[in-house]
Amino acid sequence: MSILVVVADASRARFFSAANKTASLSETNDLINTASRLRDQQLIADNHGSGVDSVGHGKHTMGHETDAHQHQASQFSRDLTNEIERLKSAGTLGRIYIIAPPAFLGLMRADLSPASAELVAGTINKDLVNHSAVDIRHHLPQLL
């Protein structure tokens, strides 16, 4: 069983594997969330409706509290955890390490199934998605 290291943020995720506890990391997958790089106007089909307050003056838009980028980040997190589920179902995972900025790490934790969450041996609250495999390995425990 291999060790999986997922290094992600809202726009990109890199999957690494390590053959054993002391092995170097080997990149196995690099996923890009192209929607995260778009402007809000490009992500939304049309404008929210508008309403008028019954008291006072003014008009306001009616819409969701979360913006389009938050929605895209949530969707990307679900896509990543689905990939982790696929790897777990294939029987190839021993342990999982997840490295992500705090907000995105929270999304991933929430999206992991209980069975996959049990395989998580550690998490790191850092944005290392653009770092080299060697640098990422230095942020992980000496013995995975």
N, C-alpha and C. Protein backbone atom coordinates (compact mmCIF):
# COMPACT_ATOMS: atom_id res chain seq x y z
N MET A 1 0.84 -1.18 0.00
CA MET A 1 0.00 0.00 0.00
C MET A 1 0.89 1.24 0.00
N SER A 2 0.52 2.18 -0.83
CA SER A 2 1.34 3.38 -0.94
C SER A 2 0.80 4.49 -0.05
N ILE A 3 1.62 5.50 0.09
CA ILE A 3 1.27 6.68 0.87
C ILE A 3 0.91 7.77 -0.12
N LEU A 4 -0.24 8.39 0.06
CA LEU A 4 -0.71 9.46 -0.82
C LEU A 4 -0.50 10.80 -0.14
N VAL A 5 0.06 11.75 -0.89
CA VAL A 5 0.20 13.12 -0.42
C VAL A 5 -0.54 14.00 -1.41
N VAL A 6 -1.54 14.73 -0.92
CA VAL A 6 -2.32 15.65 -1.76
C VAL A 6 -1.94 17.07 -1.36
N VAL A 7 -1.43 17.83 -2.33
CA VAL A 7 -1.07 19.23 -2.10
C VAL A 7 -2.01 20.04 -2.97
N ALA A 8 -2.85 20.87 -2.35
CA ALA A 8 -3.92 21.51 -3.11
C ALA A 8 -4.20 22.93 -2.64
N ASP A 9 -4.82 23.68 -3.52
CA ASP A 9 -5.48 24.93 -3.19
C ASP A 9 -6.71 25.00 -4.08
N ALA A 10 -7.41 26.11 -4.11
CA ALA A 10 -8.65 26.20 -4.88
C ALA A 10 -8.45 26.14 -6.38
N SER A 11 -7.21 26.31 -6.85
CA SER A 11 -6.98 26.34 -8.29
C SER A 11 -6.20 25.15 -8.83
N ARG A 12 -5.52 24.41 -7.96
CA ARG A 12 -4.67 23.32 -8.45
C ARG A 12 -4.50 22.27 -7.36
N ALA A 13 -4.34 21.03 -7.78
CA ALA A 13 -4.06 19.94 -6.84
C ALA A 13 -3.02 19.02 -7.46
N ARG A 14 -2.06 18.65 -6.65
CA ARG A 14 -1.02 17.72 -7.08
C ARG A 14 -1.07 16.50 -6.18
N PHE A 15 -1.06 15.33 -6.80
CA PHE A 15 -1.08 14.07 -6.07
C PHE A 15 0.32 13.45 -6.16
N PHE A 16 0.85 13.07 -5.01
CA PHE A 16 2.15 12.42 -4.95
C PHE A 16 1.98 11.08 -4.26
N SER A 17 2.88 10.16 -4.57
CA SER A 17 2.88 8.89 -3.85
C SER A 17 4.29 8.64 -3.32
N ALA A 18 4.34 7.89 -2.25
CA ALA A 18 5.61 7.44 -1.68
C ALA A 18 5.47 5.95 -1.43
N ALA A 19 6.46 5.20 -1.87
CA ALA A 19 6.39 3.74 -1.77
C ALA A 19 6.51 3.24 -0.34
N ASN A 20 7.23 3.98 0.50
CA ASN A 20 7.38 3.57 1.90
C ASN A 20 7.56 4.81 2.78
N LYS A 21 7.78 4.59 4.07
CA LYS A 21 7.81 5.68 5.04
C LYS A 21 8.94 6.68 4.83
N THR A 22 10.04 6.26 4.19
CA THR A 22 11.20 7.14 4.02
C THR A 22 11.42 7.55 2.57
N ALA A 23 10.55 7.13 1.68
CA ALA A 23 10.74 7.37 0.24
C ALA A 23 10.54 8.84 -0.13
N SER A 24 11.14 9.21 -1.26
CA SER A 24 10.89 10.53 -1.82
C SER A 24 9.51 10.50 -2.49
N LEU A 25 9.01 11.69 -2.83
CA LEU A 25 7.69 11.79 -3.44
C LEU A 25 7.78 11.70 -4.95
N SER A 26 6.82 11.00 -5.52
CA SER A 26 6.71 10.88 -6.97
C SER A 26 5.34 11.43 -7.38
N GLU A 27 5.34 12.45 -8.24
CA GLU A 27 4.07 13.07 -8.65
C GLU A 27 3.31 12.14 -9.58
N THR A 28 2.05 11.89 -9.26
CA THR A 28 1.23 10.97 -10.05
C THR A 28 0.11 11.67 -10.80
N ASN A 29 -0.29 12.86 -10.34
CA ASN A 29 -1.40 13.56 -10.99
C ASN A 29 -1.30 15.05 -10.68
N ASP A 30 -1.68 15.87 -11.65
CA ASP A 30 -1.69 17.33 -11.48
C ASP A 30 -3.01 17.83 -12.07
N LEU A 31 -3.90 18.29 -11.21
CA LEU A 31 -5.22 18.73 -11.64
C LEU A 31 -5.33 20.24 -11.52
N ILE A 32 -5.89 20.87 -12.55
CA ILE A 32 -6.08 22.31 -12.58
C ILE A 32 -7.57 22.63 -12.56
N ASN A 33 -7.97 23.54 -11.69
CA ASN A 33 -9.34 24.03 -11.64
C ASN A 33 -9.38 25.34 -12.44
N THR A 34 -9.62 25.23 -13.73
CA THR A 34 -9.57 26.42 -14.60
C THR A 34 -10.63 27.45 -14.21
N ALA A 35 -11.74 27.01 -13.65
CA ALA A 35 -12.80 27.95 -13.28
C ALA A 35 -12.36 28.91 -12.18
N SER A 36 -11.41 28.51 -11.36
CA SER A 36 -10.97 29.38 -10.26
C SER A 36 -10.21 30.60 -10.78
N ARG A 37 -9.74 30.53 -12.01
CA ARG A 37 -8.98 31.64 -12.57
C ARG A 37 -9.86 32.64 -13.32
N LEU A 38 -11.14 32.33 -13.44
CA LEU A 38 -12.06 33.21 -14.14
C LEU A 38 -12.58 34.30 -13.20
N ARG A 39 -13.01 35.39 -13.78
CA ARG A 39 -13.63 36.46 -13.00
C ARG A 39 -15.06 36.05 -12.66
N ASP A 40 -15.60 36.64 -11.60
CA ASP A 40 -16.97 36.32 -11.18
C ASP A 40 -17.97 36.46 -12.32
N GLN A 41 -17.83 37.50 -13.13
CA GLN A 41 -18.77 37.73 -14.23
C GLN A 41 -18.74 36.58 -15.23
N GLN A 42 -17.60 35.93 -15.37
CA GLN A 42 -17.49 34.82 -16.31
C GLN A 42 -18.07 33.52 -15.74
N LEU A 43 -18.18 33.46 -14.43
CA LEU A 43 -18.69 32.26 -13.78
C LEU A 43 -20.20 32.27 -13.61
N ILE A 44 -20.80 33.45 -13.64
CA ILE A 44 -22.23 33.59 -13.39
C ILE A 44 -22.96 33.82 -14.71
N ALA A 45 -24.02 33.05 -14.93
CA ALA A 45 -24.75 33.14 -16.20
C ALA A 45 -25.47 34.47 -16.35
N ASP A 46 -26.13 34.93 -15.33
CA ASP A 46 -26.82 36.22 -15.40
C ASP A 46 -26.88 36.82 -14.00
N ASN A 47 -27.38 38.03 -13.91
CA ASN A 47 -27.40 38.75 -12.64
C ASN A 47 -28.47 38.21 -11.70
N HIS A 48 -28.24 38.42 -10.39
CA HIS A 48 -29.25 38.09 -9.39
C HIS A 48 -30.41 39.06 -9.54
N GLY A 49 -31.56 38.67 -9.03
CA GLY A 49 -32.70 39.58 -9.03
C GLY A 49 -32.47 40.72 -8.06
N SER A 50 -33.36 41.68 -8.09
CA SER A 50 -33.22 42.80 -7.15
C SER A 50 -34.53 42.99 -6.41
N GLY A 51 -34.42 43.63 -5.28
CA GLY A 51 -35.60 43.88 -4.46
C GLY A 51 -35.54 45.27 -3.86
N VAL A 52 -36.66 45.72 -3.34
CA VAL A 52 -36.75 47.04 -2.72
C VAL A 52 -37.14 46.82 -1.27
N ASP A 53 -36.44 47.51 -0.36
CA ASP A 53 -36.79 47.42 1.05
C ASP A 53 -38.14 48.05 1.29
N SER A 54 -38.92 47.47 2.20
CA SER A 54 -40.23 48.04 2.50
C SER A 54 -40.11 49.31 3.33
N VAL A 55 -39.00 49.46 4.01
CA VAL A 55 -38.76 50.65 4.81
C VAL A 55 -37.48 51.31 4.30
N GLY A 56 -37.49 52.60 4.15
CA GLY A 56 -36.29 53.30 3.73
C GLY A 56 -36.17 53.36 2.22
N HIS A 57 -35.08 53.90 1.82
CA HIS A 57 -34.82 54.06 0.40
C HIS A 57 -33.75 53.09 -0.03
N GLY A 58 -33.82 52.70 -1.24
CA GLY A 58 -32.73 51.89 -1.77
C GLY A 58 -33.19 50.59 -2.36
N LYS A 59 -32.35 50.11 -3.17
CA LYS A 59 -32.57 48.87 -3.87
C LYS A 59 -31.37 47.97 -3.60
N HIS A 60 -31.57 46.71 -3.52
CA HIS A 60 -30.45 45.80 -3.28
C HIS A 60 -30.61 44.57 -4.16
N THR A 61 -29.51 43.89 -4.38
CA THR A 61 -29.60 42.66 -5.16
C THR A 61 -29.93 41.51 -4.23
N MET A 62 -30.60 40.54 -4.78
CA MET A 62 -30.95 39.36 -4.02
C MET A 62 -30.14 38.21 -4.60
N GLY A 63 -29.42 37.53 -3.77
CA GLY A 63 -28.61 36.44 -4.27
C GLY A 63 -28.03 35.63 -3.12
N HIS A 64 -27.19 34.74 -3.48
CA HIS A 64 -26.57 33.87 -2.49
C HIS A 64 -25.45 34.61 -1.79
N GLU A 65 -25.21 34.24 -0.55
CA GLU A 65 -24.15 34.88 0.22
C GLU A 65 -22.76 34.44 -0.26
N THR A 66 -22.65 33.26 -0.83
CA THR A 66 -21.35 32.81 -1.31
C THR A 66 -21.15 33.24 -2.74
N ASP A 67 -19.95 33.64 -3.06
CA ASP A 67 -19.69 34.07 -4.42
C ASP A 67 -19.35 32.87 -5.31
N ALA A 68 -19.18 33.14 -6.57
CA ALA A 68 -18.93 32.08 -7.54
C ALA A 68 -17.61 31.37 -7.28
N HIS A 69 -16.60 32.10 -6.83
CA HIS A 69 -15.31 31.46 -6.56
C HIS A 69 -15.40 30.49 -5.38
N GLN A 70 -16.18 30.84 -4.38
CA GLN A 70 -16.38 29.93 -3.24
C GLN A 70 -17.07 28.66 -3.72
N HIS A 71 -18.05 28.80 -4.58
CA HIS A 71 -18.74 27.64 -5.14
C HIS A 71 -17.77 26.77 -5.93
N GLN A 72 -16.93 27.39 -6.74
CA GLN A 72 -15.96 26.63 -7.54
C GLN A 72 -14.95 25.91 -6.64
N ALA A 73 -14.51 26.56 -5.57
CA ALA A 73 -13.58 25.93 -4.63
C ALA A 73 -14.24 24.71 -3.98
N SER A 74 -15.50 24.84 -3.60
CA SER A 74 -16.23 23.72 -3.00
C SER A 74 -16.36 22.56 -3.98
N GLN A 75 -16.66 22.88 -5.23
CA GLN A 75 -16.79 21.84 -6.25
C GLN A 75 -15.45 21.15 -6.49
N PHE A 76 -14.37 21.92 -6.54
CA PHE A 76 -13.04 21.35 -6.76
C PHE A 76 -12.65 20.45 -5.59
N SER A 77 -12.98 20.86 -4.37
CA SER A 77 -12.72 20.03 -3.20
C SER A 77 -13.46 18.70 -3.30
N ARG A 78 -14.72 18.75 -3.73
CA ARG A 78 -15.49 17.51 -3.90
C ARG A 78 -14.85 16.62 -4.98
N ASP A 79 -14.38 17.24 -6.06
CA ASP A 79 -13.72 16.47 -7.12
C ASP A 79 -12.47 15.77 -6.58
N LEU A 80 -11.70 16.47 -5.77
CA LEU A 80 -10.48 15.89 -5.21
C LEU A 80 -10.79 14.76 -4.24
N THR A 81 -11.78 14.96 -3.39
CA THR A 81 -12.12 13.90 -2.44
C THR A 81 -12.74 12.70 -3.16
N ASN A 82 -13.42 12.93 -4.27
CA ASN A 82 -13.91 11.81 -5.09
C ASN A 82 -12.74 11.02 -5.67
N GLU A 83 -11.69 11.71 -6.08
CA GLU A 83 -10.49 11.03 -6.59
C GLU A 83 -9.83 10.22 -5.47
N ILE A 84 -9.77 10.77 -4.28
CA ILE A 84 -9.23 10.03 -3.13
C ILE A 84 -10.08 8.79 -2.88
N GLU A 85 -11.40 8.92 -2.96
CA GLU A 85 -12.30 7.77 -2.78
C GLU A 85 -12.03 6.70 -3.84
N ARG A 86 -11.80 7.13 -5.07
CA ARG A 86 -11.52 6.19 -6.15
C ARG A 86 -10.24 5.41 -5.86
N LEU A 87 -9.20 6.11 -5.42
CA LEU A 87 -7.94 5.46 -5.09
C LEU A 87 -8.09 4.51 -3.91
N LYS A 88 -8.89 4.93 -2.91
CA LYS A 88 -9.13 4.08 -1.74
C LYS A 88 -9.87 2.81 -2.15
N SER A 89 -10.85 2.95 -3.03
CA SER A 89 -11.62 1.80 -3.49
C SER A 89 -10.76 0.82 -4.28
N ALA A 90 -9.75 1.34 -4.95
CA ALA A 90 -8.84 0.47 -5.70
C ALA A 90 -7.92 -0.31 -4.77
N GLY A 91 -7.92 0.04 -3.49
CA GLY A 91 -7.12 -0.70 -2.51
C GLY A 91 -5.64 -0.35 -2.53
N THR A 92 -5.29 0.82 -3.05
CA THR A 92 -3.87 1.17 -3.16
C THR A 92 -3.39 2.12 -2.07
N LEU A 93 -4.29 2.63 -1.23
CA LEU A 93 -3.91 3.62 -0.24
C LEU A 93 -3.66 3.01 1.13
N GLY A 94 -2.54 3.42 1.72
CA GLY A 94 -2.26 3.06 3.10
C GLY A 94 -2.54 4.22 4.02
N ARG A 95 -1.91 5.36 3.72
CA ARG A 95 -2.09 6.58 4.51
C ARG A 95 -2.21 7.77 3.57
N ILE A 96 -2.81 8.84 4.09
CA ILE A 96 -3.00 10.06 3.30
C ILE A 96 -2.49 11.25 4.11
N TYR A 97 -1.76 12.13 3.43
CA TYR A 97 -1.36 13.42 3.99
C TYR A 97 -1.96 14.49 3.08
N ILE A 98 -2.53 15.53 3.68
CA ILE A 98 -3.12 16.61 2.90
C ILE A 98 -2.46 17.92 3.30
N ILE A 99 -1.98 18.65 2.29
CA ILE A 99 -1.36 19.95 2.51
C ILE A 99 -2.16 20.97 1.71
N ALA A 100 -2.70 21.97 2.40
CA ALA A 100 -3.53 22.98 1.74
C ALA A 100 -3.64 24.21 2.63
N PRO A 101 -3.96 25.37 2.03
CA PRO A 101 -4.23 26.55 2.86
C PRO A 101 -5.42 26.26 3.78
N PRO A 102 -5.50 26.91 4.93
CA PRO A 102 -6.52 26.58 5.93
C PRO A 102 -7.95 26.50 5.40
N ALA A 103 -8.39 27.47 4.62
CA ALA A 103 -9.79 27.46 4.15
C ALA A 103 -10.06 26.26 3.26
N PHE A 104 -9.14 25.97 2.35
CA PHE A 104 -9.36 24.85 1.43
C PHE A 104 -9.20 23.51 2.16
N LEU A 105 -8.29 23.46 3.11
CA LEU A 105 -8.13 22.25 3.91
C LEU A 105 -9.42 21.94 4.66
N GLY A 106 -10.09 22.97 5.16
CA GLY A 106 -11.37 22.78 5.83
C GLY A 106 -12.43 22.21 4.90
N LEU A 107 -12.45 22.69 3.66
CA LEU A 107 -13.39 22.14 2.67
C LEU A 107 -13.11 20.66 2.43
N MET A 108 -11.84 20.33 2.25
CA MET A 108 -11.49 18.93 1.97
C MET A 108 -11.84 18.02 3.15
N ARG A 109 -11.55 18.48 4.36
CA ARG A 109 -11.88 17.67 5.54
C ARG A 109 -13.38 17.39 5.60
N ALA A 110 -14.17 18.40 5.29
CA ALA A 110 -15.63 18.25 5.33
C ALA A 110 -16.13 17.30 4.24
N ASP A 111 -15.43 17.25 3.11
CA ASP A 111 -15.88 16.43 1.99
C ASP A 111 -15.39 14.98 2.05
N LEU A 112 -14.39 14.69 2.86
CA LEU A 112 -13.89 13.32 2.95
C LEU A 112 -14.92 12.40 3.60
N SER A 113 -15.03 11.20 3.08
CA SER A 113 -15.90 10.22 3.72
C SER A 113 -15.27 9.80 5.05
N PRO A 114 -16.05 9.28 5.98
CA PRO A 114 -15.47 8.83 7.25
C PRO A 114 -14.38 7.77 7.05
N ALA A 115 -14.56 6.87 6.09
CA ALA A 115 -13.56 5.83 5.84
C ALA A 115 -12.25 6.43 5.33
N SER A 116 -12.34 7.42 4.46
CA SER A 116 -11.12 8.08 3.95
C SER A 116 -10.49 8.95 5.03
N ALA A 117 -11.32 9.60 5.83
CA ALA A 117 -10.80 10.44 6.91
C ALA A 117 -9.96 9.63 7.89
N GLU A 118 -10.31 8.36 8.08
CA GLU A 118 -9.54 7.50 8.97
C GLU A 118 -8.14 7.23 8.44
N LEU A 119 -7.95 7.34 7.13
CA LEU A 119 -6.64 7.11 6.52
C LEU A 119 -5.73 8.33 6.57
N VAL A 120 -6.30 9.49 6.94
CA VAL A 120 -5.50 10.72 6.99
C VAL A 120 -4.56 10.65 8.19
N ALA A 121 -3.26 10.59 7.88
CA ALA A 121 -2.24 10.50 8.93
C ALA A 121 -1.76 11.87 9.37
N GLY A 122 -2.01 12.90 8.54
CA GLY A 122 -1.58 14.24 8.91
C GLY A 122 -2.04 15.28 7.91
N THR A 123 -2.16 16.50 8.40
CA THR A 123 -2.51 17.63 7.54
C THR A 123 -1.56 18.78 7.85
N ILE A 124 -1.32 19.61 6.85
CA ILE A 124 -0.46 20.78 7.02
C ILE A 124 -1.19 21.98 6.44
N ASN A 125 -1.35 23.03 7.24
CA ASN A 125 -2.02 24.26 6.82
C ASN A 125 -1.05 25.19 6.11
N LYS A 126 -0.67 24.86 4.89
CA LYS A 126 0.24 25.71 4.12
C LYS A 126 -0.12 25.62 2.65
N ASP A 127 0.19 26.68 1.92
CA ASP A 127 -0.01 26.70 0.48
C ASP A 127 1.31 26.33 -0.19
N LEU A 128 1.48 25.06 -0.52
CA LEU A 128 2.73 24.56 -1.11
C LEU A 128 2.52 24.02 -2.51
N VAL A 129 1.38 24.32 -3.12
CA VAL A 129 1.03 23.70 -4.40
C VAL A 129 2.04 24.01 -5.50
N ASN A 130 2.73 25.14 -5.42
CA ASN A 130 3.71 25.50 -6.45
C ASN A 130 5.14 25.17 -6.06
N HIS A 131 5.33 24.46 -4.97
CA HIS A 131 6.66 24.09 -4.51
C HIS A 131 7.10 22.78 -5.17
N SER A 132 8.39 22.54 -5.13
CA SER A 132 8.94 21.31 -5.70
C SER A 132 8.60 20.12 -4.81
N ALA A 133 8.69 18.93 -5.39
CA ALA A 133 8.43 17.70 -4.64
C ALA A 133 9.41 17.57 -3.47
N VAL A 134 10.65 17.96 -3.69
CA VAL A 134 11.66 17.88 -2.63
C VAL A 134 11.29 18.81 -1.47
N ASP A 135 10.88 20.03 -1.78
CA ASP A 135 10.49 20.98 -0.74
C ASP A 135 9.24 20.49 0.01
N ILE A 136 8.29 19.96 -0.73
CA ILE A 136 7.07 19.43 -0.10
C ILE A 136 7.44 18.29 0.86
N ARG A 137 8.34 17.43 0.43
CA ARG A 137 8.76 16.29 1.28
C ARG A 137 9.39 16.79 2.58
N HIS A 138 10.12 17.92 2.52
CA HIS A 138 10.74 18.47 3.73
C HIS A 138 9.71 18.98 4.74
N HIS A 139 8.52 19.31 4.29
CA HIS A 139 7.47 19.77 5.20
C HIS A 139 6.72 18.61 5.87
N LEU A 140 6.92 17.43 5.37
CA LEU A 140 6.24 16.24 5.91
C LEU A 140 7.11 15.59 6.99
N PRO A 141 6.51 14.74 7.81
CA PRO A 141 7.31 14.03 8.82
C PRO A 141 8.40 13.19 8.15
N GLN A 142 9.51 13.02 8.86
CA GLN A 142 10.63 12.24 8.31
C GLN A 142 10.18 10.82 7.96
N LEU A 143 9.37 10.24 8.84
CA LEU A 143 8.81 8.91 8.58
C LEU A 143 7.33 9.08 8.26
N LEU A 144 6.97 8.85 7.02
CA LEU A 144 5.57 8.94 6.62
C LEU A 144 4.82 7.74 7.16
